[in-house]
Amino acid sequence: MADLNGDGDLSGEEAGRFAQMRFEGLDTNHDEQLDLPEFQSGFRR
C-alpha cells in the first residue's frame, strides 16, 4: 500500500506519505494532534 511506484522498496517520500496518512486516520477530531485515546484506538482496530 505504501509502495506507490510498485518497485518493492520504500523511498523516504513514500514512507513519509504513508506515515502522514496513518496519522490523519488516527486524528479523529482533526486537530492535527494525537491524544492518548486517539493513539490507542489505532492499535485496537
PDB file of N, CA and C in Angstrom:
ATOM      1  N   MET A   1       0.815  -1.186   0.000  1.00  0.00           N
ATOM      2  CA  MET A   1       0.000   0.000   0.000  1.00  0.00           C
ATOM      3  C   MET A   1       0.870   1.266   0.000  1.00  0.00           C
ATOM      4  N   ALA A   2       1.936   1.263   0.757  1.00  0.00           N
ATOM      5  CA  ALA A   2       2.795   2.441   0.837  1.00  0.00           C
ATOM      6  C   ALA A   2       3.752   2.542  -0.349  1.00  0.00           C
ATOM      7  N   ASP A   3       4.014   1.420  -1.008  1.00  0.00           N
ATOM      8  CA  ASP A   3       4.938   1.391  -2.149  1.00  0.00           C
ATOM      9  C   ASP A   3       4.211   1.909  -3.391  1.00  0.00           C
ATOM     10  N   LEU A   4       4.152   3.221  -3.531  1.00  0.00           N
ATOM     11  CA  LEU A   4       3.332   3.844  -4.564  1.00  0.00           C
ATOM     12  C   LEU A   4       3.777   3.527  -5.983  1.00  0.00           C
ATOM     13  N   ASN A   5       5.067   3.349  -6.203  1.00  0.00           N
ATOM     14  CA  ASN A   5       5.529   3.058  -7.562  1.00  0.00           C
ATOM     15  C   ASN A   5       5.694   1.563  -7.822  1.00  0.00           C
ATOM     16  N   GLY A   6       5.420   0.736  -6.820  1.00  0.00           N
ATOM     17  CA  GLY A   6       5.421  -0.716  -7.002  1.00  0.00           C
ATOM     18  C   GLY A   6       6.783  -1.327  -7.257  1.00  0.00           C
ATOM     19  N   ASP A   7       7.861  -0.663  -6.835  1.00  0.00           N
ATOM     20  CA  ASP A   7       9.190  -1.207  -7.114  1.00  0.00           C
ATOM     21  C   ASP A   7       9.698  -2.148  -6.025  1.00  0.00           C
ATOM     22  N   GLY A   8       8.890  -2.373  -4.982  1.00  0.00           N
ATOM     23  CA  GLY A   8       9.297  -3.294  -3.924  1.00  0.00           C
ATOM     24  C   GLY A   8      10.112  -2.650  -2.815  1.00  0.00           C
ATOM     25  N   ASP A   9      10.405  -1.369  -2.944  1.00  0.00           N
ATOM     26  CA  ASP A   9      11.163  -0.635  -1.935  1.00  0.00           C
ATOM     27  C   ASP A   9      10.361   0.590  -1.514  1.00  0.00           C
ATOM     28  N   LEU A  10      10.626   1.063  -0.295  1.00  0.00           N
ATOM     29  CA  LEU A  10      10.004   2.306   0.165  1.00  0.00           C
ATOM     30  C   LEU A  10      11.032   3.423   0.151  1.00  0.00           C
ATOM     31  N   SER A  11      10.731   4.469  -0.588  1.00  0.00           N
ATOM     32  CA  SER A  11      11.580   5.657  -0.557  1.00  0.00           C
ATOM     33  C   SER A  11      11.206   6.469   0.680  1.00  0.00           C
ATOM     34  N   GLY A  12      12.020   7.431   1.006  1.00  0.00           N
ATOM     35  CA  GLY A  12      11.702   8.323   2.111  1.00  0.00           C
ATOM     36  C   GLY A  12      10.389   9.053   1.883  1.00  0.00           C
ATOM     37  N   GLU A  13      10.157   9.455   0.658  1.00  0.00           N
ATOM     38  CA  GLU A  13       8.914  10.152   0.317  1.00  0.00           C
ATOM     39  C   GLU A  13       7.708   9.230   0.504  1.00  0.00           C
ATOM     40  N   GLU A  14       7.812   7.987   0.040  1.00  0.00           N
ATOM     41  CA  GLU A  14       6.704   7.036   0.197  1.00  0.00           C
ATOM     42  C   GLU A  14       6.439   6.744   1.671  1.00  0.00           C
ATOM     43  N   ALA A  15       7.492   6.540   2.442  1.00  0.00           N
ATOM     44  CA  ALA A  15       7.329   6.264   3.874  1.00  0.00           C
ATOM     45  C   ALA A  15       6.715   7.464   4.577  1.00  0.00           C
ATOM     46  N   GLY A  16       7.136   8.649   4.208  1.00  0.00           N
ATOM     47  CA  GLY A  16       6.587   9.860   4.803  1.00  0.00           C
ATOM     48  C   GLY A  16       5.112  10.035   4.493  1.00  0.00           C
ATOM     49  N   ARG A  17       4.741   9.758   3.247  1.00  0.00           N
ATOM     50  CA  ARG A  17       3.326   9.858   2.866  1.00  0.00           C
ATOM     51  C   ARG A  17       2.488   8.849   3.634  1.00  0.00           C
ATOM     52  N   PHE A  18       3.004   7.637   3.775  1.00  0.00           N
ATOM     53  CA  PHE A  18       2.278   6.609   4.500  1.00  0.00           C
ATOM     54  C   PHE A  18       2.107   7.006   5.964  1.00  0.00           C
ATOM     55  N   ALA A  19       3.155   7.527   6.576  1.00  0.00           N
ATOM     56  CA  ALA A  19       3.077   7.962   7.975  1.00  0.00           C
ATOM     57  C   ALA A  19       2.056   9.093   8.119  1.00  0.00           C
ATOM     58  N   GLN A  20       2.041  10.027   7.191  1.00  0.00           N
ATOM     59  CA  GLN A  20       1.087  11.130   7.243  1.00  0.00           C
ATOM     60  C   GLN A  20      -0.344  10.620   7.104  1.00  0.00           C
ATOM     61  N   MET A  21      -0.567   9.678   6.193  1.00  0.00           N
ATOM     62  CA  MET A  21      -1.903   9.114   6.026  1.00  0.00           C
ATOM     63  C   MET A  21      -2.342   8.380   7.291  1.00  0.00           C
ATOM     64  N   ARG A  22      -1.435   7.648   7.902  1.00  0.00           N
ATOM     65  CA  ARG A  22      -1.742   6.920   9.142  1.00  0.00           C
ATOM     66  C   ARG A  22      -2.085   7.905  10.250  1.00  0.00           C
ATOM     67  N   PHE A  23      -1.285   8.961  10.379  1.00  0.00           N
ATOM     68  CA  PHE A  23      -1.548   9.991  11.379  1.00  0.00           C
ATOM     69  C   PHE A  23      -2.927  10.608  11.170  1.00  0.00           C
ATOM     70  N   GLU A  24      -3.239  10.976   9.939  1.00  0.00           N
ATOM     71  CA  GLU A  24      -4.529  11.602   9.647  1.00  0.00           C
ATOM     72  C   GLU A  24      -5.686  10.664   9.966  1.00  0.00           C
ATOM     73  N   GLY A  25      -5.486   9.371   9.750  1.00  0.00           N
ATOM     74  CA  GLY A  25      -6.516   8.394  10.086  1.00  0.00           C
ATOM     75  C   GLY A  25      -6.738   8.257  11.583  1.00  0.00           C
ATOM     76  N   LEU A  26      -5.682   8.414  12.360  1.00  0.00           N
ATOM     77  CA  LEU A  26      -5.791   8.322  13.813  1.00  0.00           C
ATOM     78  C   LEU A  26      -6.353   9.608  14.425  1.00  0.00           C
ATOM     79  N   ASP A  27      -6.134  10.738  13.786  1.00  0.00           N
ATOM     80  CA  ASP A  27      -6.559  12.037  14.300  1.00  0.00           C
ATOM     81  C   ASP A  27      -8.051  12.229  14.026  1.00  0.00           C
ATOM     82  N   THR A  28      -8.873  11.555  14.805  1.00  0.00           N
ATOM     83  CA  THR A  28     -10.312  11.507  14.528  1.00  0.00           C
ATOM     84  C   THR A  28     -11.017  12.842  14.724  1.00  0.00           C
ATOM     85  N   ASN A  29     -10.478  13.735  15.553  1.00  0.00           N
ATOM     86  CA  ASN A  29     -11.110  15.048  15.726  1.00  0.00           C
ATOM     87  C   ASN A  29     -10.456  16.122  14.849  1.00  0.00           C
ATOM     88  N   HIS A  30      -9.488  15.718  14.034  1.00  0.00           N
ATOM     89  CA  HIS A  30      -8.852  16.576  13.020  1.00  0.00           C
ATOM     90  C   HIS A  30      -8.244  17.856  13.592  1.00  0.00           C
ATOM     91  N   ASP A  31      -7.626  17.737  14.782  1.00  0.00           N
ATOM     92  CA  ASP A  31      -6.970  18.896  15.380  1.00  0.00           C
ATOM     93  C   ASP A  31      -5.459  18.887  15.152  1.00  0.00           C
ATOM     94  N   GLU A  32      -5.001  17.970  14.320  1.00  0.00           N
ATOM     95  CA  GLU A  32      -3.586  17.816  13.977  1.00  0.00           C
ATOM     96  C   GLU A  32      -2.716  17.470  15.176  1.00  0.00           C
ATOM     97  N   GLN A  33      -3.340  16.831  16.173  1.00  0.00           N
ATOM     98  CA  GLN A  33      -2.631  16.311  17.334  1.00  0.00           C
ATOM     99  C   GLN A  33      -3.271  14.988  17.704  1.00  0.00           C
ATOM    100  N   LEU A  34      -2.458  14.058  18.202  1.00  0.00           N
ATOM    101  CA  LEU A  34      -2.998  12.794  18.688  1.00  0.00           C
ATOM    102  C   LEU A  34      -3.018  12.814  20.202  1.00  0.00           C
ATOM    103  N   ASP A  35      -4.208  12.650  20.771  1.00  0.00           N
ATOM    104  CA  ASP A  35      -4.269  12.459  22.213  1.00  0.00           C
ATOM    105  C   ASP A  35      -4.177  10.950  22.474  1.00  0.00           C
ATOM    106  N   LEU A  36      -4.051  10.582  23.722  1.00  0.00           N
ATOM    107  CA  LEU A  36      -3.837   9.176  24.057  1.00  0.00           C
ATOM    108  C   LEU A  36      -4.967   8.274  23.559  1.00  0.00           C
ATOM    109  N   PRO A  37      -6.239   8.624  23.741  1.00  0.00           N
ATOM    110  CA  PRO A  37      -7.299   7.751  23.224  1.00  0.00           C
ATOM    111  C   PRO A  37      -7.245   7.569  21.705  1.00  0.00           C
ATOM    112  N   GLU A  38      -6.937   8.632  20.963  1.00  0.00           N
ATOM    113  CA  GLU A  38      -6.817   8.505  19.512  1.00  0.00           C
ATOM    114  C   GLU A  38      -5.672   7.563  19.158  1.00  0.00           C
ATOM    115  N   PHE A  39      -4.549   7.756  19.815  1.00  0.00           N
ATOM    116  CA  PHE A  39      -3.377   6.913  19.565  1.00  0.00           C
ATOM    117  C   PHE A  39      -3.675   5.449  19.880  1.00  0.00           C
ATOM    118  N   GLN A  40      -4.271   5.212  21.029  1.00  0.00           N
ATOM    119  CA  GLN A  40      -4.571   3.838  21.435  1.00  0.00           C
ATOM    120  C   GLN A  40      -5.588   3.178  20.521  1.00  0.00           C
ATOM    121  N   SER A  41      -6.551   3.943  20.020  1.00  0.00           N
ATOM    122  CA  SER A  41      -7.579   3.358  19.165  1.00  0.00           C
ATOM    123  C   SER A  41      -6.987   2.765  17.894  1.00  0.00           C
ATOM    124  N   GLY A  42      -5.872   3.315  17.451  1.00  0.00           N
ATOM    125  CA  GLY A  42      -5.218   2.816  16.252  1.00  0.00           C
ATOM    126  C   GLY A  42      -4.650   1.415  16.415  1.00  0.00           C
ATOM    127  N   PHE A  43      -4.453   0.981  17.647  1.00  0.00           N
ATOM    128  CA  PHE A  43      -3.907  -0.345  17.902  1.00  0.00           C
ATOM    129  C   PHE A  43      -4.969  -1.347  18.293  1.00  0.00           C
ATOM    130  N   ARG A  44      -6.187  -0.879  18.467  1.00  0.00           N
ATOM    131  CA  ARG A  44      -7.300  -1.778  18.824  1.00  0.00           C
ATOM    132  C   ARG A  44      -8.067  -2.250  17.621  1.00  0.00           C
ATOM    133  N   ARG A  45      -7.876  -1.614  16.476  1.00  0.00           N
ATOM    134  CA  ARG A  45      -8.639  -1.963  15.274  1.00  0.00           C
ATOM    135  C   ARG A  45      -8.158  -3.252  14.680  1.00  0.00           C
TER     136      ARG A  45
END
